[in-house]
């Protein structure tokens, strides 16, 4: 016990600094490395509207499943949804289905999407936005004044178009 007291008096400042650094690391990095584990599987249909929310910062549209996410993507160019707020409330498995952007270089998504640490996964993108003879592939056709945060994306298949310059 005497040796323990001697160690504490000799190294107490190091122990305190280590404890503070460890505590701050857990507080700062824990949300980054945790992933919500509930999940829904998309059946390939598109919802007719959002079931919850009004699109304001205080009451964002809630995207709870693949049907609503597909509706969100399909309506990114709709003026009704311009500069609105959206929150993902579940992991979504797109079951290998295609998620295709609908815009072009004129139409854009402008708004705020908070993934809340959830993941969208297992989908294909095979259409493109042709801008200045450049084939652009992505989940969104174009982003203008948009914020997308806390969204995890994995297991995406890009099916690229073969371009023939000899025609």
Foldseek 3Di string as FASTA:
>chain_A
DVVVVVCCVVCVVVVVVVVVVVVVCCVPCVQVPDADDAEDEDPPAADPAQPFFDQAPVTRREDEEPNPVLNCQACQQPPSNAAGEYEYDHAYEDQAEEREHDDEPVGEHAYEYEDSRHEYENYEYEAFHQDPNDTHTDNYHHYDNYHYDNYHYDHYHYDYDDDDPPD
